[in-house]
Structures are given as C-alpha cells and as structure tokens.
Amino acid sequence: MQEQSFTITADTGVHARPATLLVNKAGQYESEVEISYNEKSVNLKSIMGVMSLGIPKGAEVKISATGSDEDEAIKGVTEVLKEHLGE
C-alpha cells in the first residue's frame, strides 16, 4: 500500500471539475485508490463518493493505493492534485 497526504489550497475546495479529473486519473489504474478526509474514506474512482466528502479549502486529505500499479497510481493522482487542488 502506498499513501500520500495533501493540503487542499484551491479556494473552492474539491468541487465537481477537479473531482472529475481525479476520478478519471484514478480510473486509469488497476489498483484500488481511495481518498480519505475527516476519518472517512471513499473510492477515488467514484465521483459521487468524492463529492460526498465535501472537501473544503484547507482540508488535509490522504490518498492511498493498493494493487499491482499502486506506485504509478499515487504518482498520477499526485500530479492532478498538485496541478489543480493543493500541495
């Protein structure tokens, strides 16, 4: 299992457009990819799951991946997060 933590710096938090980018990127990998916020984890391949977290600006989130391509999954999702949402 690989994990990475981030702080959301986007003024609007994780809203529909960047959430879609994250879901699309996570969907490119075979590994199970999850995002965690406020002690709740959801499948990062599910737009409804990601949106249900209601992640605001300043939130600390954790991305985790488990599977055959977990390293690549974390790297790909990290790129999207850093480009559109946080650090």
PDB file of N, CA and C in Angstrom:
ATOM      1  N   MET A   1       0.849  -1.186   0.000  1.00  0.00           N
ATOM      2  CA  MET A   1       0.000   0.000   0.000  1.00  0.00           C
ATOM      3  C   MET A   1       0.891   1.245   0.000  1.00  0.00           C
ATOM      4  N   GLN A   2       0.525   2.198  -0.834  1.00  0.00           N
ATOM      5  CA  GLN A   2       1.212   3.489  -0.904  1.00  0.00           C
ATOM      6  C   GLN A   2       0.242   4.565  -0.427  1.00  0.00           C
ATOM      7  N   GLU A   3       0.758   5.567   0.289  1.00  0.00           N
ATOM      8  CA  GLU A   3      -0.078   6.669   0.783  1.00  0.00           C
ATOM      9  C   GLU A   3       0.635   7.993   0.563  1.00  0.00           C
ATOM     10  N   GLN A   4      -0.148   9.033   0.409  1.00  0.00           N
ATOM     11  CA  GLN A   4       0.386  10.386   0.265  1.00  0.00           C
ATOM     12  C   GLN A   4      -0.644  11.347   0.860  1.00  0.00           C
ATOM     13  N   SER A   5      -0.171  12.356   1.608  1.00  0.00           N
ATOM     14  CA  SER A   5      -1.070  13.347   2.209  1.00  0.00           C
ATOM     15  C   SER A   5      -0.922  14.681   1.499  1.00  0.00           C
ATOM     16  N   PHE A   6      -2.014  15.439   1.473  1.00  0.00           N
ATOM     17  CA  PHE A   6      -2.053  16.731   0.792  1.00  0.00           C
ATOM     18  C   PHE A   6      -2.895  17.725   1.581  1.00  0.00           C
ATOM     19  N   THR A   7      -2.629  19.005   1.367  1.00  0.00           N
ATOM     20  CA  THR A   7      -3.474  20.075   1.874  1.00  0.00           C
ATOM     21  C   THR A   7      -4.144  20.719   0.668  1.00  0.00           C
ATOM     22  N   ILE A   8      -5.463  20.837   0.728  1.00  0.00           N
ATOM     23  CA  ILE A   8      -6.206  21.443  -0.374  1.00  0.00           C
ATOM     24  C   ILE A   8      -6.054  22.962  -0.286  1.00  0.00           C
ATOM     25  N   THR A   9      -5.524  23.572  -1.334  1.00  0.00           N
ATOM     26  CA  THR A   9      -5.293  25.015  -1.343  1.00  0.00           C
ATOM     27  C   THR A   9      -6.218  25.752  -2.304  1.00  0.00           C
ATOM     28  N   ALA A  10      -6.955  25.036  -3.134  1.00  0.00           N
ATOM     29  CA  ALA A  10      -7.887  25.674  -4.074  1.00  0.00           C
ATOM     30  C   ALA A  10      -8.984  26.378  -3.296  1.00  0.00           C
ATOM     31  N   ASP A  11      -9.293  27.615  -3.698  1.00  0.00           N
ATOM     32  CA  ASP A  11     -10.298  28.417  -2.989  1.00  0.00           C
ATOM     33  C   ASP A  11     -11.648  27.723  -2.877  1.00  0.00           C
ATOM     34  N   THR A  12     -12.009  26.948  -3.879  1.00  0.00           N
ATOM     35  CA  THR A  12     -13.322  26.304  -3.889  1.00  0.00           C
ATOM     36  C   THR A  12     -13.298  24.885  -3.330  1.00  0.00           C
ATOM     37  N   GLY A  13     -12.144  24.451  -2.838  1.00  0.00           N
ATOM     38  CA  GLY A  13     -12.047  23.086  -2.327  1.00  0.00           C
ATOM     39  C   GLY A  13     -12.133  22.087  -3.474  1.00  0.00           C
ATOM     40  N   VAL A  14     -12.568  20.878  -3.178  1.00  0.00           N
ATOM     41  CA  VAL A  14     -12.705  19.850  -4.208  1.00  0.00           C
ATOM     42  C   VAL A  14     -14.135  19.910  -4.738  1.00  0.00           C
ATOM     43  N   HIS A  15     -14.312  20.649  -5.828  1.00  0.00           N
ATOM     44  CA  HIS A  15     -15.640  20.750  -6.444  1.00  0.00           C
ATOM     45  C   HIS A  15     -15.698  19.845  -7.675  1.00  0.00           C
ATOM     46  N   ALA A  16     -16.774  19.899  -8.426  1.00  0.00           N
ATOM     47  CA  ALA A  16     -17.057  18.929  -9.484  1.00  0.00           C
ATOM     48  C   ALA A  16     -15.954  18.792 -10.529  1.00  0.00           C
ATOM     49  N   ARG A  17     -15.444  19.897 -11.046  1.00  0.00           N
ATOM     50  CA  ARG A  17     -14.472  19.796 -12.139  1.00  0.00           C
ATOM     51  C   ARG A  17     -13.175  19.104 -11.705  1.00  0.00           C
ATOM     52  N   PRO A  18     -12.508  19.567 -10.635  1.00  0.00           N
ATOM     53  CA  PRO A  18     -11.289  18.853 -10.247  1.00  0.00           C
ATOM     54  C   PRO A  18     -11.560  17.447  -9.712  1.00  0.00           C
ATOM     55  N   ALA A  19     -12.719  17.233  -9.116  1.00  0.00           N
ATOM     56  CA  ALA A  19     -13.064  15.883  -8.658  1.00  0.00           C
ATOM     57  C   ALA A  19     -13.160  14.943  -9.856  1.00  0.00           C
ATOM     58  N   THR A  20     -13.711  15.425 -10.951  1.00  0.00           N
ATOM     59  CA  THR A  20     -13.808  14.622 -12.170  1.00  0.00           C
ATOM     60  C   THR A  20     -12.421  14.278 -12.702  1.00  0.00           C
ATOM     61  N   LEU A  21     -11.511  15.247 -12.661  1.00  0.00           N
ATOM     62  CA  LEU A  21     -10.140  14.986 -13.102  1.00  0.00           C
ATOM     63  C   LEU A  21      -9.489  13.896 -12.243  1.00  0.00           C
ATOM     64  N   LEU A  22      -9.696  13.968 -10.926  1.00  0.00           N
ATOM     65  CA  LEU A  22      -9.149  12.955 -10.023  1.00  0.00           C
ATOM     66  C   LEU A  22      -9.732  11.575 -10.305  1.00  0.00           C
ATOM     67  N   VAL A  23     -11.049  11.512 -10.463  1.00  0.00           N
ATOM     68  CA  VAL A  23     -11.728  10.237 -10.721  1.00  0.00           C
ATOM     69  C   VAL A  23     -11.247   9.637 -12.041  1.00  0.00           C
ATOM     70  N   ASN A  24     -11.129  10.478 -13.073  1.00  0.00           N
ATOM     71  CA  ASN A  24     -10.662   9.984 -14.369  1.00  0.00           C
ATOM     72  C   ASN A  24      -9.237   9.455 -14.279  1.00  0.00           C
ATOM     73  N   LYS A  25      -8.371  10.154 -13.552  1.00  0.00           N
ATOM     74  CA  LYS A  25      -6.986   9.704 -13.403  1.00  0.00           C
ATOM     75  C   LYS A  25      -6.937   8.391 -12.617  1.00  0.00           C
ATOM     76  N   ALA A  26      -7.658   8.311 -11.510  1.00  0.00           N
ATOM     77  CA  ALA A  26      -7.658   7.087 -10.699  1.00  0.00           C
ATOM     78  C   ALA A  26      -8.192   5.904 -11.502  1.00  0.00           C
ATOM     79  N   GLY A  27      -9.140   6.157 -12.384  1.00  0.00           N
ATOM     80  CA  GLY A  27      -9.732   5.103 -13.196  1.00  0.00           C
ATOM     81  C   GLY A  27      -8.788   4.497 -14.212  1.00  0.00           C
ATOM     82  N   GLN A  28      -7.645   5.129 -14.436  1.00  0.00           N
ATOM     83  CA  GLN A  28      -6.665   4.611 -15.390  1.00  0.00           C
ATOM     84  C   GLN A  28      -5.813   3.480 -14.809  1.00  0.00           C
ATOM     85  N   TYR A  29      -5.978   3.219 -13.513  1.00  0.00           N
ATOM     86  CA  TYR A  29      -5.126   2.238 -12.840  1.00  0.00           C
ATOM     87  C   TYR A  29      -5.944   1.050 -12.343  1.00  0.00           C
ATOM     88  N   GLU A  30      -5.293  -0.100 -12.285  1.00  0.00           N
ATOM     89  CA  GLU A  30      -5.947  -1.309 -11.780  1.00  0.00           C
ATOM     90  C   GLU A  30      -6.070  -1.297 -10.264  1.00  0.00           C
ATOM     91  N   SER A  31      -5.151  -0.627  -9.599  1.00  0.00           N
ATOM     92  CA  SER A  31      -5.132  -0.606  -8.129  1.00  0.00           C
ATOM     93  C   SER A  31      -6.398   0.014  -7.560  1.00  0.00           C
ATOM     94  N   GLU A  32      -6.705  -0.381  -6.323  1.00  0.00           N
ATOM     95  CA  GLU A  32      -7.766   0.286  -5.586  1.00  0.00           C
ATOM     96  C   GLU A  32      -7.189   1.600  -5.086  1.00  0.00           C
ATOM     97  N   VAL A  33      -7.867   2.710  -5.384  1.00  0.00           N
ATOM     98  CA  VAL A  33      -7.382   4.034  -4.994  1.00  0.00           C
ATOM     99  C   VAL A  33      -8.470   4.687  -4.147  1.00  0.00           C
ATOM    100  N   GLU A  34      -8.080   5.183  -2.960  1.00  0.00           N
ATOM    101  CA  GLU A  34      -9.037   5.817  -2.054  1.00  0.00           C
ATOM    102  C   GLU A  34      -8.559   7.198  -1.657  1.00  0.00           C
ATOM    103  N   ILE A  35      -9.527   8.043  -1.325  1.00  0.00           N
ATOM    104  CA  ILE A  35      -9.233   9.351  -0.754  1.00  0.00           C
ATOM    105  C   ILE A  35      -9.901   9.403   0.612  1.00  0.00           C
ATOM    106  N   SER A  36      -9.175   9.919   1.598  1.00  0.00           N
ATOM    107  CA  SER A  36      -9.689   9.991   2.968  1.00  0.00           C
ATOM    108  C   SER A  36      -9.705  11.430   3.448  1.00  0.00           C
ATOM    109  N   TYR A  37     -10.804  11.787   4.122  1.00  0.00           N
ATOM    110  CA  TYR A  37     -10.956  13.113   4.720  1.00  0.00           C
ATOM    111  C   TYR A  37     -11.877  12.966   5.927  1.00  0.00           C
ATOM    112  N   ASN A  38     -11.510  13.593   7.035  1.00  0.00           N
ATOM    113  CA  ASN A  38     -12.335  13.535   8.255  1.00  0.00           C
ATOM    114  C   ASN A  38     -12.655  12.100   8.664  1.00  0.00           C
ATOM    115  N   GLU A  39     -11.652  11.237   8.614  1.00  0.00           N
ATOM    116  CA  GLU A  39     -11.796   9.842   9.021  1.00  0.00           C
ATOM    117  C   GLU A  39     -12.783   9.048   8.182  1.00  0.00           C
ATOM    118  N   LYS A  40     -13.106   9.546   6.981  1.00  0.00           N
ATOM    119  CA  LYS A  40     -13.975   8.816   6.068  1.00  0.00           C
ATOM    120  C   LYS A  40     -13.209   8.591   4.773  1.00  0.00           C
ATOM    121  N   SER A  41     -13.242   7.360   4.274  1.00  0.00           N
ATOM    122  CA  SER A  41     -12.552   7.010   3.037  1.00  0.00           C
ATOM    123  C   SER A  41     -13.562   6.579   1.983  1.00  0.00           C
ATOM    124  N   VAL A  42     -13.305   7.013   0.741  1.00  0.00           N
ATOM    125  CA  VAL A  42     -14.158   6.614  -0.376  1.00  0.00           C
ATOM    126  C   VAL A  42     -13.278   6.205  -1.553  1.00  0.00           C
ATOM    127  N   ASN A  43     -13.866   5.455  -2.449  1.00  0.00           N
ATOM    128  CA  ASN A  43     -13.202   5.031  -3.673  1.00  0.00           C
ATOM    129  C   ASN A  43     -12.963   6.261  -4.553  1.00  0.00           C
ATOM    130  N   LEU A  44     -11.718   6.517  -4.924  1.00  0.00           N
ATOM    131  CA  LEU A  44     -11.399   7.687  -5.739  1.00  0.00           C
ATOM    132  C   LEU A  44     -11.852   7.507  -7.185  1.00  0.00           C
ATOM    133  N   LYS A  45     -12.353   6.338  -7.521  1.00  0.00           N
ATOM    134  CA  LYS A  45     -12.881   6.102  -8.866  1.00  0.00           C
ATOM    135  C   LYS A  45     -14.377   6.405  -8.932  1.00  0.00           C
ATOM    136  N   SER A  46     -14.953   6.896  -7.831  1.00  0.00           N
ATOM    137  CA  SER A  46     -16.381   7.201  -7.754  1.00  0.00           C
ATOM    138  C   SER A  46     -16.601   8.694  -7.551  1.00  0.00           C
ATOM    139  N   ILE A  47     -17.147   9.355  -8.560  1.00  0.00           N
ATOM    140  CA  ILE A  47     -17.385  10.800  -8.456  1.00  0.00           C
ATOM    141  C   ILE A  47     -18.359  11.106  -7.324  1.00  0.00           C
ATOM    142  N   MET A  48     -19.357  10.282  -7.140  1.00  0.00           N
ATOM    143  CA  MET A  48     -20.329  10.519  -6.065  1.00  0.00           C
ATOM    144  C   MET A  48     -19.668  10.364  -4.697  1.00  0.00           C
ATOM    145  N   GLY A  49     -18.787   9.392  -4.578  1.00  0.00           N
ATOM    146  CA  GLY A  49     -18.072   9.201  -3.324  1.00  0.00           C
ATOM    147  C   GLY A  49     -17.191  10.396  -2.996  1.00  0.00           C
ATOM    148  N   VAL A  50     -16.441  10.866  -3.979  1.00  0.00           N
ATOM    149  CA  VAL A  50     -15.549  12.013  -3.764  1.00  0.00           C
ATOM    150  C   VAL A  50     -16.353  13.253  -3.402  1.00  0.00           C
ATOM    151  N   MET A  51     -17.432  13.509  -4.122  1.00  0.00           N
ATOM    152  CA  MET A  51     -18.248  14.700  -3.862  1.00  0.00           C
ATOM    153  C   MET A  51     -18.932  14.607  -2.497  1.00  0.00           C
ATOM    154  N   SER A  52     -19.225  13.392  -2.042  1.00  0.00           N
ATOM    155  CA  SER A  52     -19.909  13.224  -0.750  1.00  0.00           C
ATOM    156  C   SER A  52     -19.034  13.664   0.427  1.00  0.00           C
ATOM    157  N   LEU A  53     -17.721  13.726   0.222  1.00  0.00           N
ATOM    158  CA  LEU A  53     -16.830  14.135   1.303  1.00  0.00           C
ATOM    159  C   LEU A  53     -16.897  15.634   1.576  1.00  0.00           C
ATOM    160  N   GLY A  54     -17.298  16.432   0.584  1.00  0.00           N
ATOM    161  CA  GLY A  54     -17.407  17.883   0.783  1.00  0.00           C
ATOM    162  C   GLY A  54     -16.096  18.506   1.244  1.00  0.00           C
ATOM    163  N   ILE A  55     -15.029  18.248   0.547  1.00  0.00           N
ATOM    164  CA  ILE A  55     -13.693  18.677   0.980  1.00  0.00           C
ATOM    165  C   ILE A  55     -13.491  20.173   0.715  1.00  0.00           C
ATOM    166  N   PRO A  56     -13.296  20.974   1.769  1.00  0.00           N
ATOM    167  CA  PRO A  56     -13.126  22.428   1.623  1.00  0.00           C
ATOM    168  C   PRO A  56     -11.651  22.839   1.495  1.00  0.00           C
ATOM    169  N   LYS A  57     -11.429  24.102   1.208  1.00  0.00           N
ATOM    170  CA  LYS A  57     -10.071  24.654   1.200  1.00  0.00           C
ATOM    171  C   LYS A  57      -9.470  24.491   2.596  1.00  0.00           C
ATOM    172  N   GLY A  58      -8.195  24.148   2.646  1.00  0.00           N
ATOM    173  CA  GLY A  58      -7.505  23.971   3.917  1.00  0.00           C
ATOM    174  C   GLY A  58      -7.584  22.561   4.473  1.00  0.00           C
ATOM    175  N   ALA A  59      -8.360  21.709   3.849  1.00  0.00           N
ATOM    176  CA  ALA A  59      -8.534  20.333   4.337  1.00  0.00           C
ATOM    177  C   ALA A  59      -7.268  19.510   4.118  1.00  0.00           C
ATOM    178  N   GLU A  60      -7.028  18.597   5.036  1.00  0.00           N
ATOM    179  CA  GLU A  60      -5.952  17.612   4.897  1.00  0.00           C
ATOM    180  C   GLU A  60      -6.593  16.329   4.374  1.00  0.00           C
ATOM    181  N   VAL A  61      -6.108  15.849   3.239  1.00  0.00           N
ATOM    182  CA  VAL A  61      -6.629  14.612   2.664  1.00  0.00           C
ATOM    183  C   VAL A  61      -5.486  13.620   2.485  1.00  0.00           C
ATOM    184  N   LYS A  62      -5.841  12.344   2.426  1.00  0.00           N
ATOM    185  CA  LYS A  62      -4.857  11.295   2.213  1.00  0.00           C
ATOM    186  C   LYS A  62      -5.314  10.448   1.036  1.00  0.00           C
ATOM    187  N   ILE A  63      -4.390  10.181   0.134  1.00  0.00           N
ATOM    188  CA  ILE A  63      -4.646   9.304  -0.999  1.00  0.00           C
ATOM    189  C   ILE A  63      -3.908   8.003  -0.723  1.00  0.00           C
ATOM    190  N   SER A  64      -4.570   6.874  -0.947  1.00  0.00           N
ATOM    191  CA  SER A  64      -3.900   5.586  -0.780  1.00  0.00           C
ATOM    192  C   SER A  64      -4.221   4.699  -1.974  1.00  0.00           C
ATOM    193  N   ALA A  65      -3.273   3.836  -2.308  1.00  0.00           N
ATOM    194  CA  ALA A  65      -3.468   2.904  -3.422  1.00  0.00           C
ATOM    195  C   ALA A  65      -2.922   1.547  -3.025  1.00  0.00           C
ATOM    196  N   THR A  66      -3.663   0.519  -3.419  1.00  0.00           N
ATOM    197  CA  THR A  66      -3.259  -0.856  -3.155  1.00  0.00           C
ATOM    198  C   THR A  66      -3.467  -1.661  -4.425  1.00  0.00           C
ATOM    199  N   GLY A  67      -2.402  -2.300  -4.887  1.00  0.00           N
ATOM    200  CA  GLY A  67      -2.531  -3.125  -6.081  1.00  0.00           C
ATOM    201  C   GLY A  67      -1.258  -3.184  -6.891  1.00  0.00           C
ATOM    202  N   SER A  68      -1.356  -3.786  -8.063  1.00  0.00           N
ATOM    203  CA  SER A  68      -0.186  -4.053  -8.887  1.00  0.00           C
ATOM    204  C   SER A  68       0.491  -2.794  -9.419  1.00  0.00           C
ATOM    205  N   ASP A  69      -0.275  -1.714  -9.599  1.00  0.00           N
ATOM    206  CA  ASP A  69       0.309  -0.472 -10.125  1.00  0.00           C
ATOM    207  C   ASP A  69       0.130   0.688  -9.134  1.00  0.00           C
ATOM    208  N   GLU A  70       0.213   0.378  -7.836  1.00  0.00           N
ATOM    209  CA  GLU A  70      -0.050   1.383  -6.806  1.00  0.00           C
ATOM    210  C   GLU A  70       0.916   2.560  -6.870  1.00  0.00           C
ATOM    211  N   ASP A  71       2.183   2.315  -7.194  1.00  0.00           N
ATOM    212  CA  ASP A  71       3.144   3.417  -7.284  1.00  0.00           C
ATOM    213  C   ASP A  71       2.763   4.392  -8.397  1.00  0.00           C
ATOM    214  N   GLU A  72       2.411   3.846  -9.554  1.00  0.00           N
ATOM    215  CA  GLU A  72       2.012   4.685 -10.680  1.00  0.00           C
ATOM    216  C   GLU A  72       0.705   5.425 -10.368  1.00  0.00           C
ATOM    217  N   ALA A  73      -0.205   4.759  -9.669  1.00  0.00           N
ATOM    218  CA  ALA A  73      -1.483   5.386  -9.323  1.00  0.00           C
ATOM    219  C   ALA A  73      -1.267   6.585  -8.406  1.00  0.00           C
ATOM    220  N   ILE A  74      -0.436   6.418  -7.389  1.00  0.00           N
ATOM    221  CA  ILE A  74      -0.157   7.526  -6.474  1.00  0.00           C
ATOM    222  C   ILE A  74       0.515   8.670  -7.234  1.00  0.00           C
ATOM    223  N   LYS A  75       1.455   8.333  -8.079  1.00  0.00           N
ATOM    224  CA  LYS A  75       2.163   9.364  -8.853  1.00  0.00           C
ATOM    225  C   LYS A  75       1.195  10.135  -9.753  1.00  0.00           C
ATOM    226  N   GLY A  76       0.326   9.425 -10.467  1.00  0.00           N
ATOM    227  CA  GLY A  76      -0.621  10.072 -11.371  1.00  0.00           C
ATOM    228  C   GLY A  76      -1.621  10.956 -10.647  1.00  0.00           C
ATOM    229  N   VAL A  77      -2.169  10.461  -9.554  1.00  0.00           N
ATOM    230  CA  VAL A  77      -3.149  11.224  -8.780  1.00  0.00           C
ATOM    231  C   VAL A  77      -2.463  12.435  -8.123  1.00  0.00           C
ATOM    232  N   THR A  78      -1.229  12.244  -7.671  1.00  0.00           N
ATOM    233  CA  THR A  78      -0.469  13.344  -7.076  1.00  0.00           C
ATOM    234  C   THR A  78      -0.289  14.479  -8.081  1.00  0.00           C
ATOM    235  N   GLU A  79       0.022  14.150  -9.320  1.00  0.00           N
ATOM    236  CA  GLU A  79       0.189  15.173 -10.355  1.00  0.00           C
ATOM    237  C   GLU A  79      -1.092  15.986 -10.528  1.00  0.00           C
ATOM    238  N   VAL A  80      -2.229  15.322 -10.580  1.00  0.00           N
ATOM    239  CA  VAL A  80      -3.513  16.021 -10.739  1.00  0.00           C
ATOM    240  C   VAL A  80      -3.794  16.898  -9.520  1.00  0.00           C
ATOM    241  N   LEU A  81      -3.572  16.344  -8.341  1.00  0.00           N
ATOM    242  CA  LEU A  81      -3.816  17.117  -7.116  1.00  0.00           C
ATOM    243  C   LEU A  81      -2.946  18.378  -7.057  1.00  0.00           C
ATOM    244  N   LYS A  82      -1.668  18.229  -7.338  1.00  0.00           N
ATOM    245  CA  LYS A  82      -0.764  19.364  -7.262  1.00  0.00           C
ATOM    246  C   LYS A  82      -1.063  20.413  -8.334  1.00  0.00           C
ATOM    247  N   GLU A  83      -1.501  19.964  -9.492  1.00  0.00           N
ATOM    248  CA  GLU A  83      -1.792  20.889 -10.581  1.00  0.00           C
ATOM    249  C   GLU A  83      -3.083  21.668 -10.375  1.00  0.00           C
ATOM    250  N   HIS A  84      -4.086  21.032  -9.746  1.00  0.00           N
ATOM    251  CA  HIS A  84      -5.428  21.634  -9.686  1.00  0.00           C
ATOM    252  C   HIS A  84      -5.934  21.950  -8.287  1.00  0.00           C
ATOM    253  N   LEU A  85      -5.408  21.303  -7.247  1.00  0.00           N
ATOM    254  CA  LEU A  85      -6.071  21.404  -5.951  1.00  0.00           C
ATOM    255  C   LEU A  85      -5.211  21.757  -4.752  1.00  0.00           C
ATOM    256  N   GLY A  86      -3.963  21.368  -4.726  1.00  0.00           N
ATOM    257  CA  GLY A  86      -3.239  21.574  -3.472  1.00  0.00           C
ATOM    258  C   GLY A  86      -1.777  21.247  -3.546  1.00  0.00           C
ATOM    259  N   GLU A  87      -1.255  20.967  -2.372  1.00  0.00           N
ATOM    260  CA  GLU A  87       0.176  20.682  -2.233  1.00  0.00           C
ATOM    261  C   GLU A  87       0.412  19.552  -1.269  1.00  0.00           C
TER     262      GLU A  87
END
